[in-house]
Amino acid sequence: MIYNPDFPEVLQTRFEVDAITRQRMIDAVLSQKDTGNYYGGYTFRVVDTVGYDDFKKLYNHMLECTETVFGKLELAPKNRSWCWANVYNKDSFRTNMHDHKGTCSINAIYYLKMPGDILDSEGGLSLVKDEKLFGIFQPEEGDLIIMPSHVPHEPQYHSSTDYRIAINMEIATVNHYSKYYTKEAIYDNATVL
């Protein structure tokens, strides 16, 4: 796990999968994007392809990475080890600045697919700190970022007809995230960018 010393609350790591698994995950998301329940938002719960547990492994990897930095988390009864897909291209882009305070303690985003024909400044993730735009994270496929639920963020537009696929995950804990998610734990257990 790595962090930016100017915004250490946002952690970055990788989740590598082989080409076959990656394509199976992409196919699973795209096969569900038109029929998924968006629950009034811009993401839908993605279900693993029958006989595989790719998204379950992704969630467990995210949880393991989080606990490597912050120690064992006491999960709340409402915690759901689900993955949610955010899928858009230039024709279906819709989003808003948001946080996850109402649903979890810690949230994460995994970049499953980034269009190959977008500009370097497109398709990123705006991050807000102290009510000001801190910067835009420009992801690569395989990047996984983890942050406390209060951090406002927003996907950015891209000009491709190809899909950008981000997988969102949440961890709900019994205690407030600040019991676990501390700068001291980050400085002790993660690497500076």
Protein backbone atom coordinates (compact mmCIF):
# COMPACT_ATOMS: atom_id res chain seq x y z
CA MET A 1 0.00 0.00 0.00
CA ILE A 2 1.25 3.46 -0.86
CA TYR A 3 0.06 6.92 0.14
CA ASN A 4 0.60 10.52 -0.88
CA PRO A 5 2.04 12.47 2.08
CA ASP A 6 -0.23 15.41 1.16
CA PHE A 7 -3.36 13.23 1.40
CA PRO A 8 -2.37 10.08 3.31
CA GLU A 9 -5.96 8.97 3.91
CA VAL A 10 -6.20 7.75 0.30
CA LEU A 11 -4.26 4.51 -0.07
CA GLN A 12 -3.30 2.87 -3.34
CA THR A 13 -2.36 -0.69 -4.20
CA ARG A 14 -2.89 -3.19 -7.02
CA PHE A 15 -5.01 -6.27 -7.60
CA GLU A 16 -3.58 -8.28 -10.45
CA VAL A 17 -5.58 -10.93 -12.28
CA ASP A 18 -4.72 -12.97 -15.33
CA ALA A 19 -6.17 -12.03 -18.72
CA ILE A 20 -8.83 -14.77 -18.65
CA THR A 21 -10.10 -13.77 -15.19
CA ARG A 22 -10.07 -10.09 -16.10
CA GLN A 23 -12.10 -10.72 -19.26
CA ARG A 24 -14.55 -12.90 -17.33
CA MET A 25 -15.04 -10.08 -14.80
CA ILE A 26 -15.54 -7.52 -17.58
CA ASP A 27 -18.01 -9.81 -19.34
CA ALA A 28 -19.91 -10.33 -16.07
CA VAL A 29 -20.23 -6.58 -15.54
CA LEU A 30 -21.23 -5.78 -19.11
CA SER A 31 -23.80 -8.59 -19.17
CA GLN A 32 -25.48 -7.05 -16.09
CA LYS A 33 -25.17 -3.31 -16.83
CA ASP A 34 -28.55 -2.96 -18.54
CA THR A 35 -30.50 -5.14 -16.11
CA GLY A 36 -28.76 -4.35 -12.81
CA ASN A 37 -30.59 -2.66 -9.96
CA TYR A 38 -29.00 0.77 -9.65
CA TYR A 39 -30.83 1.50 -6.37
CA GLY A 40 -31.32 5.11 -7.46
CA GLY A 41 -27.60 5.72 -8.04
CA TYR A 42 -24.94 5.16 -10.67
CA THR A 43 -23.76 1.70 -9.61
CA PHE A 44 -25.33 -1.72 -9.54
CA ARG A 45 -24.48 -4.81 -7.53
CA VAL A 46 -22.48 -7.13 -9.74
CA VAL A 47 -22.89 -10.88 -9.34
CA ASP A 48 -20.13 -13.38 -10.05
CA THR A 49 -20.31 -15.60 -13.10
CA VAL A 50 -21.74 -18.98 -12.09
CA GLY A 51 -18.95 -21.28 -10.93
CA TYR A 52 -16.48 -18.48 -10.21
CA ASP A 53 -15.83 -16.17 -7.28
CA ASP A 54 -13.82 -13.39 -8.94
CA PHE A 55 -15.59 -10.48 -7.26
CA LYS A 56 -15.59 -12.26 -3.91
CA LYS A 57 -11.80 -12.63 -4.23
CA LEU A 58 -11.51 -8.95 -5.11
CA TYR A 59 -13.52 -7.93 -2.04
CA ASN A 60 -11.50 -10.25 0.22
CA HIS A 61 -8.25 -8.84 -1.20
CA MET A 62 -9.42 -5.30 -0.46
CA LEU A 63 -10.40 -6.28 3.09
CA GLU A 64 -7.05 -8.04 3.62
CA CYS A 65 -5.11 -4.99 2.37
CA THR A 66 -7.11 -2.73 4.66
CA GLU A 67 -6.49 -4.97 7.67
CA THR A 68 -2.78 -5.19 6.83
CA VAL A 69 -2.53 -1.44 7.39
CA PHE A 70 -5.14 -0.91 10.12
CA GLY A 71 -5.33 -4.23 11.96
CA LYS A 72 -8.30 -6.53 12.37
CA LEU A 73 -11.58 -4.70 11.75
CA GLU A 74 -14.72 -5.47 13.71
CA LEU A 75 -17.26 -5.74 10.92
CA ALA A 76 -20.77 -4.48 11.56
CA PRO A 77 -23.75 -6.80 11.07
CA LYS A 78 -24.80 -4.58 8.14
CA ASN A 79 -21.49 -5.16 6.32
CA ARG A 80 -22.00 -6.67 2.88
CA SER A 81 -19.08 -8.10 0.95
CA TRP A 82 -20.62 -7.00 -2.32
CA CYS A 83 -19.07 -5.36 -5.31
CA TRP A 84 -20.83 -2.57 -7.18
CA ALA A 85 -20.06 -1.68 -10.78
CA ASN A 86 -19.85 1.84 -12.18
CA VAL A 87 -19.86 1.57 -15.98
CA TYR A 88 -19.88 4.43 -18.44
CA ASN A 89 -18.64 5.71 -21.77
CA LYS A 90 -18.94 9.15 -23.35
CA ASP A 91 -22.59 8.50 -24.20
CA SER A 92 -23.71 7.18 -20.81
CA PHE A 93 -21.67 9.38 -18.44
CA ARG A 94 -23.56 10.59 -15.39
CA THR A 95 -22.20 11.14 -11.94
CA ASN A 96 -22.03 13.43 -8.96
CA MET A 97 -19.62 14.35 -6.19
CA HIS A 98 -20.40 12.02 -3.29
CA ASP A 99 -19.08 10.21 -0.23
CA HIS A 100 -20.07 6.98 1.50
CA LYS A 101 -20.67 8.22 5.07
CA GLY A 102 -24.22 6.93 5.13
CA THR A 103 -23.44 3.35 4.15
CA CYS A 104 -20.00 2.36 5.43
CA SER A 105 -16.80 3.24 7.29
CA ILE A 106 -14.27 2.58 4.54
CA ASN A 107 -14.78 2.40 0.80
CA ALA A 108 -12.64 1.27 -2.10
CA ILE A 109 -12.55 1.47 -5.88
CA TYR A 110 -10.94 -1.06 -8.20
CA TYR A 111 -10.28 -0.11 -11.80
CA LEU A 112 -11.17 -3.19 -13.81
CA LYS A 113 -11.19 -1.55 -17.23
CA MET A 114 -9.96 1.76 -18.58
CA PRO A 115 -10.52 2.68 -22.24
CA GLY A 116 -7.28 2.64 -24.20
CA ASP A 117 -8.21 5.59 -26.39
CA ILE A 118 -8.82 8.31 -23.78
CA LEU A 119 -6.68 11.33 -23.12
CA ASP A 120 -4.31 11.22 -20.15
CA SER A 121 -6.50 13.71 -18.31
CA GLU A 122 -9.78 11.79 -18.78
CA GLY A 123 -11.57 9.10 -16.78
CA GLY A 124 -9.90 9.85 -13.49
CA LEU A 125 -11.32 10.32 -10.03
CA SER A 126 -11.63 13.79 -8.45
CA LEU A 127 -10.75 13.75 -4.75
CA VAL A 128 -11.76 16.49 -2.31
CA LYS A 129 -9.89 17.38 0.87
CA ASP A 130 -10.93 20.15 3.28
CA GLU A 131 -13.80 21.09 0.94
CA LYS A 132 -11.41 21.82 -1.95
CA LEU A 133 -10.41 19.75 -4.96
CA PHE A 134 -7.21 18.02 -3.90
CA GLY A 135 -6.47 16.49 -7.25
CA ILE A 136 -7.49 13.92 -9.79
CA PHE A 137 -6.31 10.34 -9.43
CA GLN A 138 -5.54 8.94 -12.89
CA PRO A 139 -6.02 5.19 -12.54
CA GLU A 140 -4.58 2.35 -14.52
CA GLU A 141 -6.26 -1.01 -14.89
CA GLY A 142 -5.59 -3.03 -11.75
CA ASP A 143 -5.33 -0.03 -9.42
CA LEU A 144 -7.20 -0.29 -6.12
CA ILE A 145 -7.71 2.74 -3.91
CA ILE A 146 -9.00 2.66 -0.34
CA MET A 147 -10.23 5.64 1.66
CA PRO A 148 -12.37 6.55 4.65
CA SER A 149 -16.04 6.94 3.80
CA HIS A 150 -16.11 10.71 4.37
CA VAL A 151 -13.78 11.55 1.45
CA PRO A 152 -15.81 13.20 -1.36
CA HIS A 153 -14.98 11.90 -4.82
CA GLU A 154 -16.37 11.89 -8.34
CA PRO A 155 -15.57 9.97 -11.53
CA GLN A 156 -14.47 12.15 -14.42
CA TYR A 157 -15.81 12.24 -17.97
CA HIS A 158 -13.97 10.50 -20.80
CA SER A 159 -14.48 10.85 -24.54
CA SER A 160 -14.35 7.18 -25.57
CA THR A 161 -17.18 4.95 -26.77
CA ASP A 162 -15.43 2.15 -24.86
CA TYR A 163 -16.46 1.50 -21.26
CA ARG A 164 -14.65 2.55 -18.12
CA ILE A 165 -15.45 -0.03 -15.42
CA ALA A 166 -14.81 0.73 -11.77
CA ILE A 167 -15.77 -1.72 -9.03
CA ASN A 168 -16.83 -0.14 -5.74
CA MET A 169 -16.66 -1.87 -2.38
CA GLU A 170 -17.53 -0.89 1.17
CA ILE A 171 -16.57 -1.99 4.67
CA ALA A 172 -19.02 -1.27 7.49
CA THR A 173 -17.43 -1.49 10.93
CA VAL A 174 -18.94 -1.55 14.42
CA ASN A 175 -16.73 1.34 15.52
CA HIS A 176 -16.22 4.66 13.77
CA TYR A 177 -13.58 4.43 11.03
CA SER A 178 -11.29 6.76 13.01
CA LYS A 179 -10.66 3.98 15.52
CA TYR A 180 -8.84 2.04 12.81
CA TYR A 181 -8.09 4.41 9.96
CA THR A 182 -5.38 6.56 11.53
CA LYS A 183 -2.43 8.43 10.08
CA GLU A 184 -0.18 6.63 12.56
CA ALA A 185 -1.22 3.25 11.15
CA ILE A 186 -0.71 4.54 7.61
CA TYR A 187 2.76 5.92 8.40
CA ASP A 188 3.74 2.68 10.18
CA ASN A 189 2.32 0.17 7.68
CA ALA A 190 2.22 1.81 4.24
CA THR A 191 4.85 3.26 1.94
CA VAL A 192 5.08 6.89 0.94
CA LEU A 193 4.56 7.64 -2.76
